[in-house]
Amino acid sequence: MQNDSLAPGFVSEPATRHPRCREIGRLICTDVGYALHRSDGADLWLEMENIPQNLIEREVVIAGTLYGLDLISVESIGPALG
């Protein structure tokens, strides 16, 4: 879609919407970053500003935005109750 208010040659595309998600699993630390290890064996990579050191290797619940199949931008994290 061409937008006439932009410089010639630039194309304006609509923003991609990413789904919100809520996941439960074990917070793990790997050589390349942090991940949520789910009970089905899948690992979801986590993008977080603050790393809750007290929750590493514990069951947690996270809420955030899913990008692709396995990257979550975390907005909140806490211990899983139960």
PDB file of N, CA and C in Angstrom:
ATOM      1  N   MET A   1       0.846  -1.168   0.000  1.00  0.00           N
ATOM      2  CA  MET A   1       0.000   0.000   0.000  1.00  0.00           C
ATOM      3  C   MET A   1       0.887   1.224   0.000  1.00  0.00           C
ATOM      4  N   GLN A   2       0.729   2.109  -0.940  1.00  0.00           N
ATOM      5  CA  GLN A   2       1.547   3.309  -1.077  1.00  0.00           C
ATOM      6  C   GLN A   2       0.934   4.444  -0.268  1.00  0.00           C
ATOM      7  N   ASN A   3       1.753   5.146   0.490  1.00  0.00           N
ATOM      8  CA  ASN A   3       1.298   6.288   1.278  1.00  0.00           C
ATOM      9  C   ASN A   3       1.938   7.529   0.674  1.00  0.00           C
ATOM     10  N   ASP A   4       1.119   8.446   0.122  1.00  0.00           N
ATOM     11  CA  ASP A   4       1.652   9.621  -0.573  1.00  0.00           C
ATOM     12  C   ASP A   4       2.321  10.618   0.352  1.00  0.00           C
ATOM     13  N   SER A   5       2.125  10.503   1.669  1.00  0.00           N
ATOM     14  CA  SER A   5       2.750  11.451   2.585  1.00  0.00           C
ATOM     15  C   SER A   5       4.197  11.076   2.894  1.00  0.00           C
ATOM     16  N   LEU A   6       4.629   9.893   2.495  1.00  0.00           N
ATOM     17  CA  LEU A   6       6.003   9.453   2.711  1.00  0.00           C
ATOM     18  C   LEU A   6       6.848   9.800   1.498  1.00  0.00           C
ATOM     19  N   ALA A   7       8.150   9.780   1.686  1.00  0.00           N
ATOM     20  CA  ALA A   7       9.061  10.035   0.578  1.00  0.00           C
ATOM     21  C   ALA A   7       8.847   8.997  -0.513  1.00  0.00           C
ATOM     22  N   PRO A   8       9.083   9.346  -1.763  1.00  0.00           N
ATOM     23  CA  PRO A   8       8.902   8.396  -2.864  1.00  0.00           C
ATOM     24  C   PRO A   8       9.711   7.116  -2.626  1.00  0.00           C
ATOM     25  N   GLY A   9       9.099   5.984  -2.901  1.00  0.00           N
ATOM     26  CA  GLY A   9       9.790   4.699  -2.760  1.00  0.00           C
ATOM     27  C   GLY A   9       9.534   4.001  -1.439  1.00  0.00           C
ATOM     28  N   PHE A  10       8.960   4.701  -0.449  1.00  0.00           N
ATOM     29  CA  PHE A  10       8.674   4.086   0.835  1.00  0.00           C
ATOM     30  C   PHE A  10       7.261   3.528   0.821  1.00  0.00           C
ATOM     31  N   VAL A  11       7.103   2.381   1.454  1.00  0.00           N
ATOM     32  CA  VAL A  11       5.804   1.737   1.521  1.00  0.00           C
ATOM     33  C   VAL A  11       5.388   1.666   2.983  1.00  0.00           C
ATOM     34  N   SER A  12       4.177   2.056   3.259  1.00  0.00           N
ATOM     35  CA  SER A  12       3.643   1.988   4.609  1.00  0.00           C
ATOM     36  C   SER A  12       2.795   0.729   4.747  1.00  0.00           C
ATOM     37  N   GLU A  13       3.181  -0.151   5.653  1.00  0.00           N
ATOM     38  CA  GLU A  13       2.452  -1.394   5.886  1.00  0.00           C
ATOM     39  C   GLU A  13       1.734  -1.292   7.230  1.00  0.00           C
ATOM     40  N   PRO A  14       0.583  -1.921   7.343  1.00  0.00           N
ATOM     41  CA  PRO A  14      -0.110  -1.922   8.634  1.00  0.00           C
ATOM     42  C   PRO A  14       0.710  -2.670   9.681  1.00  0.00           C
ATOM     43  N   ALA A  15       0.612  -2.231  10.927  1.00  0.00           N
ATOM     44  CA  ALA A  15       1.336  -2.879  12.019  1.00  0.00           C
ATOM     45  C   ALA A  15       0.808  -4.296  12.217  1.00  0.00           C
ATOM     46  N   THR A  16       1.724  -5.221  12.491  1.00  0.00           N
ATOM     47  CA  THR A  16       1.345  -6.596  12.761  1.00  0.00           C
ATOM     48  C   THR A  16       0.900  -6.712  14.212  1.00  0.00           C
ATOM     49  N   ARG A  17      -0.232  -7.336  14.429  1.00  0.00           N
ATOM     50  CA  ARG A  17      -0.726  -7.549  15.792  1.00  0.00           C
ATOM     51  C   ARG A  17      -0.191  -8.887  16.290  1.00  0.00           C
ATOM     52  N   HIS A  18       0.293  -8.889  17.516  1.00  0.00           N
ATOM     53  CA  HIS A  18       0.814 -10.112  18.124  1.00  0.00           C
ATOM     54  C   HIS A  18      -0.095 -10.525  19.270  1.00  0.00           C
ATOM     55  N   PRO A  19      -0.368 -11.822  19.397  1.00  0.00           N
ATOM     56  CA  PRO A  19      -1.299 -12.272  20.426  1.00  0.00           C
ATOM     57  C   PRO A  19      -0.727 -12.157  21.834  1.00  0.00           C
ATOM     58  N   ARG A  20      -1.602 -11.890  22.776  1.00  0.00           N
ATOM     59  CA  ARG A  20      -1.242 -11.921  24.190  1.00  0.00           C
ATOM     60  C   ARG A  20      -1.203 -13.389  24.609  1.00  0.00           C
ATOM     61  N   CYS A  21      -0.402 -13.686  25.606  1.00  0.00           N
ATOM     62  CA  CYS A  21      -0.332 -15.074  26.058  1.00  0.00           C
ATOM     63  C   CYS A  21      -0.121 -15.137  27.563  1.00  0.00           C
ATOM     64  N   ARG A  22      -0.464 -16.278  28.109  1.00  0.00           N
ATOM     65  CA  ARG A  22      -0.223 -16.597  29.515  1.00  0.00           C
ATOM     66  C   ARG A  22       0.275 -18.028  29.531  1.00  0.00           C
ATOM     67  N   GLU A  23       1.444 -18.244  30.120  1.00  0.00           N
ATOM     68  CA  GLU A  23       2.065 -19.573  30.113  1.00  0.00           C
ATOM     69  C   GLU A  23       2.559 -19.919  31.508  1.00  0.00           C
ATOM     70  N   ILE A  24       2.595 -21.209  31.783  1.00  0.00           N
ATOM     71  CA  ILE A  24       3.113 -21.730  33.050  1.00  0.00           C
ATOM     72  C   ILE A  24       4.221 -22.725  32.736  1.00  0.00           C
ATOM     73  N   GLY A  25       5.311 -22.661  33.485  1.00  0.00           N
ATOM     74  CA  GLY A  25       6.410 -23.598  33.306  1.00  0.00           C
ATOM     75  C   GLY A  25       7.560 -23.258  34.238  1.00  0.00           C
ATOM     76  N   ARG A  26       8.681 -23.929  34.021  1.00  0.00           N
ATOM     77  CA  ARG A  26       9.877 -23.709  34.854  1.00  0.00           C
ATOM     78  C   ARG A  26      10.761 -22.663  34.190  1.00  0.00           C
ATOM     79  N   LEU A  27      11.113 -21.619  34.947  1.00  0.00           N
ATOM     80  CA  LEU A  27      12.019 -20.576  34.447  1.00  0.00           C
ATOM     81  C   LEU A  27      13.437 -21.130  34.474  1.00  0.00           C
ATOM     82  N   ILE A  28      14.075 -21.187  33.310  1.00  0.00           N
ATOM     83  CA  ILE A  28      15.434 -21.731  33.234  1.00  0.00           C
ATOM     84  C   ILE A  28      16.386 -20.697  32.641  1.00  0.00           C
ATOM     85  N   CYS A  29      17.646 -20.842  32.990  1.00  0.00           N
ATOM     86  CA  CYS A  29      18.711 -19.988  32.462  1.00  0.00           C
ATOM     87  C   CYS A  29      19.604 -20.879  31.601  1.00  0.00           C
ATOM     88  N   THR A  30      19.807 -20.466  30.343  1.00  0.00           N
ATOM     89  CA  THR A  30      20.671 -21.230  29.435  1.00  0.00           C
ATOM     90  C   THR A  30      21.893 -20.395  29.094  1.00  0.00           C
ATOM     91  N   ASP A  31      22.764 -20.946  28.264  1.00  0.00           N
ATOM     92  CA  ASP A  31      23.956 -20.212  27.839  1.00  0.00           C
ATOM     93  C   ASP A  31      23.610 -18.972  27.009  1.00  0.00           C
ATOM     94  N   VAL A  32      22.436 -18.968  26.393  1.00  0.00           N
ATOM     95  CA  VAL A  32      22.081 -17.864  25.489  1.00  0.00           C
ATOM     96  C   VAL A  32      20.949 -16.975  26.002  1.00  0.00           C
ATOM     97  N   GLY A  33      20.376 -17.299  27.146  1.00  0.00           N
ATOM     98  CA  GLY A  33      19.311 -16.456  27.679  1.00  0.00           C
ATOM     99  C   GLY A  33      18.383 -17.220  28.596  1.00  0.00           C
ATOM    100  N   TYR A  34      17.225 -16.644  28.809  1.00  0.00           N
ATOM    101  CA  TYR A  34      16.238 -17.229  29.713  1.00  0.00           C
ATOM    102  C   TYR A  34      15.102 -17.833  28.902  1.00  0.00           C
ATOM    103  N   ALA A  35      14.542 -18.914  29.440  1.00  0.00           N
ATOM    104  CA  ALA A  35      13.465 -19.609  28.749  1.00  0.00           C
ATOM    105  C   ALA A  35      12.470 -20.129  29.766  1.00  0.00           C
ATOM    106  N   LEU A  36      11.287 -20.415  29.270  1.00  0.00           N
ATOM    107  CA  LEU A  36      10.261 -21.070  30.060  1.00  0.00           C
ATOM    108  C   LEU A  36      10.149 -22.493  29.540  1.00  0.00           C
ATOM    109  N   HIS A  37      10.444 -23.460  30.394  1.00  0.00           N
ATOM    110  CA  HIS A  37      10.369 -24.876  30.010  1.00  0.00           C
ATOM    111  C   HIS A  37       8.990 -25.383  30.415  1.00  0.00           C
ATOM    112  N   ARG A  38       8.144 -25.660  29.418  1.00  0.00           N
ATOM    113  CA  ARG A  38       6.785 -26.105  29.685  1.00  0.00           C
ATOM    114  C   ARG A  38       6.737 -27.604  29.969  1.00  0.00           C
ATOM    115  N   SER A  39       5.636 -28.043  30.541  1.00  0.00           N
ATOM    116  CA  SER A  39       5.481 -29.465  30.896  1.00  0.00           C
ATOM    117  C   SER A  39       5.430 -30.372  29.672  1.00  0.00           C
ATOM    118  N   ASP A  40       5.103 -29.819  28.493  1.00  0.00           N
ATOM    119  CA  ASP A  40       5.088 -30.632  27.266  1.00  0.00           C
ATOM    120  C   ASP A  40       6.475 -30.759  26.639  1.00  0.00           C
ATOM    121  N   GLY A  41       7.508 -30.182  27.290  1.00  0.00           N
ATOM    122  CA  GLY A  41       8.879 -30.284  26.804  1.00  0.00           C
ATOM    123  C   GLY A  41       9.339 -29.122  25.947  1.00  0.00           C
ATOM    124  N   ALA A  42       8.419 -28.248  25.551  1.00  0.00           N
ATOM    125  CA  ALA A  42       8.780 -27.099  24.710  1.00  0.00           C
ATOM    126  C   ALA A  42       9.441 -26.003  25.552  1.00  0.00           C
ATOM    127  N   ASP A  43      10.403 -25.312  24.950  1.00  0.00           N
ATOM    128  CA  ASP A  43      11.034 -24.147  25.572  1.00  0.00           C
ATOM    129  C   ASP A  43      10.587 -22.896  24.828  1.00  0.00           C
ATOM    130  N   LEU A  44      10.137 -21.901  25.570  1.00  0.00           N
ATOM    131  CA  LEU A  44       9.772 -20.606  25.010  1.00  0.00           C
ATOM    132  C   LEU A  44      10.817 -19.600  25.464  1.00  0.00           C
ATOM    133  N   TRP A  45      11.424 -18.898  24.526  1.00  0.00           N
ATOM    134  CA  TRP A  45      12.446 -17.906  24.856  1.00  0.00           C
ATOM    135  C   TRP A  45      11.771 -16.660  25.406  1.00  0.00           C
ATOM    136  N   LEU A  46      12.419 -16.049  26.392  1.00  0.00           N
ATOM    137  CA  LEU A  46      11.825 -14.922  27.096  1.00  0.00           C
ATOM    138  C   LEU A  46      12.650 -13.667  26.915  1.00  0.00           C
ATOM    139  N   GLU A  47      11.960 -12.582  26.652  1.00  0.00           N
ATOM    140  CA  GLU A  47      12.585 -11.261  26.601  1.00  0.00           C
ATOM    141  C   GLU A  47      12.067 -10.508  27.823  1.00  0.00           C
ATOM    142  N   MET A  48      12.982 -10.216  28.762  1.00  0.00           N
ATOM    143  CA  MET A  48      12.600  -9.553  30.016  1.00  0.00           C
ATOM    144  C   MET A  48      13.590  -8.450  30.334  1.00  0.00           C
ATOM    145  N   GLU A  49      13.083  -7.361  30.907  1.00  0.00           N
ATOM    146  CA  GLU A  49      13.974  -6.282  31.344  1.00  0.00           C
ATOM    147  C   GLU A  49      14.608  -6.618  32.679  1.00  0.00           C
ATOM    148  N   ASN A  50      13.813  -7.098  33.617  1.00  0.00           N
ATOM    149  CA  ASN A  50      14.311  -7.454  34.948  1.00  0.00           C
ATOM    150  C   ASN A  50      14.240  -8.960  35.112  1.00  0.00           C
ATOM    151  N   ILE A  51      15.350  -9.559  35.552  1.00  0.00           N
ATOM    152  CA  ILE A  51      15.425 -11.003  35.721  1.00  0.00           C
ATOM    153  C   ILE A  51      15.193 -11.334  37.192  1.00  0.00           C
ATOM    154  N   PRO A  52      14.110 -12.018  37.521  1.00  0.00           N
ATOM    155  CA  PRO A  52      13.834 -12.379  38.920  1.00  0.00           C
ATOM    156  C   PRO A  52      14.677 -13.579  39.346  1.00  0.00           C
ATOM    157  N   GLN A  53      15.861 -13.313  39.874  1.00  0.00           N
ATOM    158  CA  GLN A  53      16.799 -14.376  40.239  1.00  0.00           C
ATOM    159  C   GLN A  53      16.196 -15.392  41.204  1.00  0.00           C
ATOM    160  N   ASN A  54      15.284 -14.940  42.069  1.00  0.00           N
ATOM    161  CA  ASN A  54      14.688 -15.844  43.050  1.00  0.00           C
ATOM    162  C   ASN A  54      13.709 -16.839  42.422  1.00  0.00           C
ATOM    163  N   LEU A  55      13.331 -16.636  41.162  1.00  0.00           N
ATOM    164  CA  LEU A  55      12.389 -17.536  40.501  1.00  0.00           C
ATOM    165  C   LEU A  55      13.053 -18.517  39.536  1.00  0.00           C
ATOM    166  N   ILE A  56      14.368 -18.398  39.332  1.00  0.00           N
ATOM    167  CA  ILE A  56      15.056 -19.321  38.415  1.00  0.00           C
ATOM    168  C   ILE A  56      14.984 -20.734  38.979  1.00  0.00           C
ATOM    169  N   GLU A  57      14.662 -21.682  38.107  1.00  0.00           N
ATOM    170  CA  GLU A  57      14.483 -23.099  38.427  1.00  0.00           C
ATOM    171  C   GLU A  57      13.232 -23.348  39.260  1.00  0.00           C
ATOM    172  N   ARG A  58      12.280 -22.422  39.221  1.00  0.00           N
ATOM    173  CA  ARG A  58      11.002 -22.611  39.901  1.00  0.00           C
ATOM    174  C   ARG A  58       9.880 -22.541  38.878  1.00  0.00           C
ATOM    175  N   GLU A  59       8.726 -23.092  39.249  1.00  0.00           N
ATOM    176  CA  GLU A  59       7.539 -22.997  38.406  1.00  0.00           C
ATOM    177  C   GLU A  59       6.999 -21.575  38.502  1.00  0.00           C
ATOM    178  N   VAL A  60       6.764 -20.976  37.325  1.00  0.00           N
ATOM    179  CA  VAL A  60       6.290 -19.602  37.276  1.00  0.00           C
ATOM    180  C   VAL A  60       5.116 -19.491  36.309  1.00  0.00           C
ATOM    181  N   VAL A  61       4.402 -18.389  36.419  1.00  0.00           N
ATOM    182  CA  VAL A  61       3.379 -18.033  35.453  1.00  0.00           C
ATOM    183  C   VAL A  61       3.807 -16.697  34.849  1.00  0.00           C
ATOM    184  N   ILE A  62       3.749 -16.609  33.522  1.00  0.00           N
ATOM    185  CA  ILE A  62       4.130 -15.375  32.858  1.00  0.00           C
ATOM    186  C   ILE A  62       2.981 -14.899  31.969  1.00  0.00           C
ATOM    187  N   ALA A  63       2.928 -13.601  31.765  1.00  0.00           N
ATOM    188  CA  ALA A  63       1.972 -13.002  30.839  1.00  0.00           C
ATOM    189  C   ALA A  63       2.759 -12.055  29.952  1.00  0.00           C
ATOM    190  N   GLY A  64       2.417 -12.008  28.680  1.00  0.00           N
ATOM    191  CA  GLY A  64       3.139 -11.137  27.768  1.00  0.00           C
ATOM    192  C   GLY A  64       2.589 -11.219  26.364  1.00  0.00           C
ATOM    193  N   THR A  65       3.450 -10.890  25.417  1.00  0.00           N
ATOM    194  CA  THR A  65       3.090 -10.870  24.008  1.00  0.00           C
ATOM    195  C   THR A  65       3.927 -11.911  23.271  1.00  0.00           C
ATOM    196  N   LEU A  66       3.261 -12.750  22.471  1.00  0.00           N
ATOM    197  CA  LEU A  66       3.928 -13.819  21.737  1.00  0.00           C
ATOM    198  C   LEU A  66       4.380 -13.318  20.369  1.00  0.00           C
ATOM    199  N   TYR A  67       5.647 -13.528  20.058  1.00  0.00           N
ATOM    200  CA  TYR A  67       6.212 -13.193  18.748  1.00  0.00           C
ATOM    201  C   TYR A  67       6.673 -14.489  18.106  1.00  0.00           C
ATOM    202  N   GLY A  68       6.113 -14.816  16.971  1.00  0.00           N
ATOM    203  CA  GLY A  68       6.445 -16.076  16.317  1.00  0.00           C
ATOM    204  C   GLY A  68       5.896 -17.238  17.120  1.00  0.00           C
ATOM    205  N   LEU A  69       6.623 -18.344  17.111  1.00  0.00           N
ATOM    206  CA  LEU A  69       6.155 -19.538  17.807  1.00  0.00           C
ATOM    207  C   LEU A  69       6.756 -19.713  19.191  1.00  0.00           C
ATOM    208  N   ASP A  70       7.906 -19.050  19.454  1.00  0.00           N
ATOM    209  CA  ASP A  70       8.603 -19.377  20.698  1.00  0.00           C
ATOM    210  C   ASP A  70       9.316 -18.214  21.378  1.00  0.00           C
ATOM    211  N   LEU A  71       8.874 -16.986  21.161  1.00  0.00           N
ATOM    212  CA  LEU A  71       9.468 -15.830  21.834  1.00  0.00           C
ATOM    213  C   LEU A  71       8.367 -15.032  22.508  1.00  0.00           C
ATOM    214  N   ILE A  72       8.530 -14.797  23.806  1.00  0.00           N
ATOM    215  CA  ILE A  72       7.557 -14.022  24.564  1.00  0.00           C
ATOM    216  C   ILE A  72       8.232 -12.788  25.134  1.00  0.00           C
ATOM    217  N   SER A  73       7.639 -11.638  24.877  1.00  0.00           N
ATOM    218  CA  SER A  73       8.036 -10.401  25.537  1.00  0.00           C
ATOM    219  C   SER A  73       7.249 -10.368  26.843  1.00  0.00           C
ATOM    220  N   VAL A  74       7.939 -10.578  27.959  1.00  0.00           N
ATOM    221  CA  VAL A  74       7.296 -10.757  29.255  1.00  0.00           C
ATOM    222  C   VAL A  74       6.900  -9.415  29.850  1.00  0.00           C
ATOM    223  N   GLU A  75       5.643  -9.327  30.263  1.00  0.00           N
ATOM    224  CA  GLU A  75       5.139  -8.129  30.939  1.00  0.00           C
ATOM    225  C   GLU A  75       4.990  -8.366  32.437  1.00  0.00           C
ATOM    226  N   SER A  76       4.707  -9.613  32.825  1.00  0.00           N
ATOM    227  CA  SER A  76       4.637  -9.933  34.262  1.00  0.00           C
ATOM    228  C   SER A  76       5.055 -11.387  34.463  1.00  0.00           C
ATOM    229  N   ILE A  77       5.653 -11.631  35.634  1.00  0.00           N
ATOM    230  CA  ILE A  77       6.095 -12.978  35.984  1.00  0.00           C
ATOM    231  C   ILE A  77       5.958 -13.124  37.489  1.00  0.00           C
ATOM    232  N   GLY A  78       5.548 -14.318  37.929  1.00  0.00           N
ATOM    233  CA  GLY A  78       5.424 -14.589  39.341  1.00  0.00           C
ATOM    234  C   GLY A  78       5.420 -16.079  39.591  1.00  0.00           C
ATOM    235  N   PRO A  79       5.493 -16.472  40.854  1.00  0.00           N
ATOM    236  CA  PRO A  79       5.487 -17.895  41.160  1.00  0.00           C
ATOM    237  C   PRO A  79       4.141 -18.514  40.805  1.00  0.00           C
ATOM    238  N   ALA A  80       4.177 -19.734  40.297  1.00  0.00           N
ATOM    239  CA  ALA A  80       2.938 -20.466  40.002  1.00  0.00           C
ATOM    240  C   ALA A  80       2.400 -20.997  41.315  1.00  0.00           C
ATOM    241  N   LEU A  81       1.149 -20.765  41.571  1.00  0.00           N
ATOM    242  CA  LEU A  81       0.526 -21.221  42.808  1.00  0.00           C
ATOM    243  C   LEU A  81      -0.070 -22.599  42.610  1.00  0.00           C
ATOM    244  N   GLY A  82       0.060 -23.407  43.594  1.00  0.00           N
ATOM    245  CA  GLY A  82      -0.565 -24.720  43.498  1.00  0.00           C
ATOM    246  C   GLY A  82       0.381 -25.784  43.651  1.00  0.00           C
TER     247      GLY A  82
END
